[in-house]
N, C-alpha and C. Protein backbone atom coordinates (compact mmCIF):
# COMPACT_ATOMS: atom_id res chain seq x y z
N UNK A 1 76.55 95.71 63.60
CA UNK A 1 77.82 96.16 62.77
C UNK A 1 78.46 97.28 63.55
N UNK A 2 79.75 96.97 63.73
CA UNK A 2 80.51 98.14 64.49
C UNK A 2 80.88 99.47 63.62
N UNK A 3 81.12 100.18 64.17
CA UNK A 3 81.26 101.66 63.79
C UNK A 3 82.61 101.83 63.36
N UNK A 4 83.22 101.95 61.90
CA UNK A 4 84.57 101.98 61.58
C UNK A 4 85.20 103.23 62.33
N UNK A 5 84.50 104.02 62.58
CA UNK A 5 85.25 105.51 63.09
C UNK A 5 86.03 105.03 64.55
N UNK A 6 84.93 104.36 65.24
CA UNK A 6 85.44 104.17 66.61
C UNK A 6 86.99 103.46 66.80
N UNK A 7 87.44 104.08 67.80
CA UNK A 7 88.73 103.71 68.03
C UNK A 7 89.11 103.16 69.26
N UNK A 8 89.67 102.34 69.43
CA UNK A 8 90.05 101.64 70.74
C UNK A 8 90.63 102.82 71.76
N UNK A 9 90.55 102.26 73.01
CA UNK A 9 91.31 103.21 74.17
C UNK A 9 92.66 103.51 73.58
N UNK A 10 93.13 104.95 73.74
CA UNK A 10 94.69 104.81 73.33
C UNK A 10 95.45 104.29 74.62
N UNK A 11 96.39 103.77 74.13
CA UNK A 11 97.49 103.05 75.27
C UNK A 11 97.74 104.33 75.96
N UNK A 12 98.39 103.77 77.23
CA UNK A 12 98.72 104.88 78.38
C UNK A 12 99.91 105.65 77.73
N UNK A 13 100.09 106.76 77.92
CA UNK A 13 101.41 107.77 77.50
C UNK A 13 102.58 106.97 78.27
N UNK A 14 103.39 106.74 77.67
CA UNK A 14 104.87 106.17 78.33
C UNK A 14 105.28 107.35 78.93
N UNK A 15 105.30 108.61 78.80
CA UNK A 15 105.77 109.89 79.46
C UNK A 15 105.22 109.99 80.62
N UNK A 16 103.88 109.18 81.14
CA UNK A 16 103.37 109.30 82.29
C UNK A 16 104.02 108.72 83.48
N UNK A 17 104.98 107.66 82.86
CA UNK A 17 105.66 107.07 84.10
C UNK A 17 106.93 107.39 84.42
N UNK A 18 107.28 108.19 83.76
CA UNK A 18 108.74 108.78 83.96
C UNK A 18 109.03 109.67 85.13
N UNK A 19 107.73 110.14 85.79
CA UNK A 19 108.02 110.83 86.93
C UNK A 19 107.79 109.84 88.41
N UNK A 20 108.26 110.35 89.47
CA UNK A 20 108.24 109.24 90.77
C UNK A 20 106.82 108.85 91.04
N UNK A 21 106.04 109.93 90.68
CA UNK A 21 104.53 109.51 91.08
C UNK A 21 104.40 108.88 90.02
N UNK A 22 104.12 109.04 88.70
CA UNK A 22 103.84 107.98 87.61
C UNK A 22 104.51 106.72 87.61
N UNK A 23 105.53 106.48 88.31
CA UNK A 23 106.16 105.27 88.08
C UNK A 23 105.65 104.56 89.25
N UNK A 24 105.25 105.26 90.32
CA UNK A 24 104.63 104.51 91.34
C UNK A 24 103.36 103.94 91.28
N UNK A 25 102.48 104.97 90.13
CA UNK A 25 101.06 104.40 89.94
C UNK A 25 101.33 103.16 88.90
N UNK A 26 102.27 103.25 88.21
CA UNK A 26 102.39 101.96 87.24
C UNK A 26 102.79 100.82 88.06
N UNK A 27 103.58 100.92 88.93
CA UNK A 27 103.92 99.80 89.80
C UNK A 27 102.78 99.16 90.40
N UNK A 28 102.03 100.21 91.08
CA UNK A 28 100.54 99.73 91.56
C UNK A 28 99.51 98.91 90.72
N UNK A 29 99.49 99.57 89.60
CA UNK A 29 98.81 98.92 88.69
C UNK A 29 99.25 97.48 88.13
N UNK A 30 100.52 97.52 87.86
CA UNK A 30 101.05 95.78 87.75
C UNK A 30 100.88 95.10 88.81
N UNK A 31 101.13 95.75 90.04
CA UNK A 31 100.91 94.75 91.18
C UNK A 31 99.38 94.26 91.23
N UNK A 32 98.68 95.25 90.99
CA UNK A 32 96.91 94.79 91.11
C UNK A 32 96.76 93.39 90.17
N UNK A 33 97.24 93.74 89.08
CA UNK A 33 97.05 92.65 87.77
C UNK A 33 97.38 91.22 88.24
N UNK A 34 98.51 91.32 89.05
CA UNK A 34 98.91 89.98 89.45
C UNK A 34 97.90 89.16 90.10
N UNK A 35 98.15 87.73 89.84
CA UNK A 35 97.17 86.77 90.56
C UNK A 35 97.83 86.52 92.15
N UNK A 36 97.02 85.67 92.86
CA UNK A 36 97.50 85.91 94.24
C UNK A 36 98.92 84.54 94.17
N UNK A 37 98.73 83.84 93.28
CA UNK A 37 99.98 83.06 93.02
C UNK A 37 101.38 83.94 92.57
N UNK A 38 101.16 84.66 91.67
CA UNK A 38 102.22 85.46 91.02
C UNK A 38 102.80 86.46 92.22
N UNK A 39 102.01 86.95 93.04
CA UNK A 39 102.50 87.74 94.12
C UNK A 39 103.08 86.75 94.85
N UNK A 40 102.76 85.49 95.29
CA UNK A 40 103.62 84.97 96.38
C UNK A 40 104.74 84.65 95.69
N UNK A 41 104.92 84.43 94.38
CA UNK A 41 106.17 83.86 93.78
C UNK A 41 107.00 85.29 93.88
N UNK A 42 106.51 86.22 93.59
CA UNK A 42 107.43 87.49 93.39
C UNK A 42 107.96 87.54 94.78
N UNK A 43 107.28 87.41 96.04
CA UNK A 43 107.73 87.78 97.46
C UNK A 43 108.70 86.90 97.80
N UNK A 44 108.78 85.39 97.44
CA UNK A 44 109.75 84.61 97.56
C UNK A 44 110.93 84.91 96.90
N UNK A 45 110.82 85.26 95.51
CA UNK A 45 112.00 85.52 94.53
C UNK A 45 112.79 86.72 95.38
N UNK A 46 111.90 87.80 95.84
CA UNK A 46 112.46 89.02 96.46
C UNK A 46 113.25 88.43 97.93
N UNK A 47 112.38 87.60 98.65
CA UNK A 47 113.12 87.16 100.05
C UNK A 47 114.53 86.49 99.34
N UNK A 48 114.53 85.56 98.60
CA UNK A 48 115.82 84.76 97.97
C UNK A 48 116.69 85.93 97.79
N UNK A 49 116.43 86.76 96.95
CA UNK A 49 117.38 87.85 96.54
C UNK A 49 118.03 88.40 97.91
N UNK A 50 117.30 88.89 98.66
CA UNK A 50 117.66 89.68 100.12
C UNK A 50 118.57 89.01 100.83
N UNK A 51 118.49 87.30 100.65
CA UNK A 51 119.27 86.50 101.45
C UNK A 51 120.70 86.39 100.58
N UNK A 52 120.54 86.41 99.41
CA UNK A 52 121.89 86.44 98.55
C UNK A 52 122.66 87.81 98.78
N UNK A 53 121.82 88.85 98.93
CA UNK A 53 122.74 89.88 99.05
C UNK A 53 123.22 90.13 100.21
N UNK A 54 122.67 89.65 101.45
CA UNK A 54 123.26 89.87 102.83
C UNK A 54 124.33 88.72 102.87
N UNK A 55 124.37 87.82 102.01
CA UNK A 55 125.40 86.87 102.30
C UNK A 55 126.66 87.46 101.54
N UNK A 56 126.46 88.07 100.17
CA UNK A 56 127.80 88.69 99.66
C UNK A 56 128.09 89.80 100.36
N UNK A 57 127.15 90.63 101.12
CA UNK A 57 127.69 91.90 102.03
C UNK A 57 128.52 91.08 103.04
N UNK A 58 128.11 89.95 103.62
CA UNK A 58 128.79 89.80 104.87
C UNK A 58 130.27 88.93 104.50
N UNK A 59 130.05 88.20 103.17
CA UNK A 59 131.45 87.91 102.74
C UNK A 59 132.34 88.94 102.25
N UNK A 60 131.90 89.98 101.82
CA UNK A 60 132.93 91.04 101.56
C UNK A 60 133.37 91.71 102.75
N UNK A 61 132.51 91.82 103.82
CA UNK A 61 133.25 92.45 105.07
C UNK A 61 134.13 91.55 105.66
N UNK A 62 134.02 90.22 105.73
CA UNK A 62 135.08 89.54 106.15
C UNK A 62 136.44 89.40 105.38
N UNK A 63 136.45 89.57 104.04
CA UNK A 63 137.54 89.79 103.19
C UNK A 63 138.45 90.88 103.68
N UNK A 64 138.09 91.84 104.29
CA UNK A 64 138.37 93.34 104.51
C UNK A 64 139.66 93.36 105.50
């Protein structure tokens, strides 16, 4: 029988991630939680976004 007075671990304080260091720690924890497949898909998505941004930038430079 479990003890009713036992409380689960409190959730992370959301204010811990509002600093630069806290935000970086949160991002690293979330990245470590991803599977290899999820990491590869994220990298592919970032590469695609980079290419789109480069195309937009080169297109706006030609119109000037």
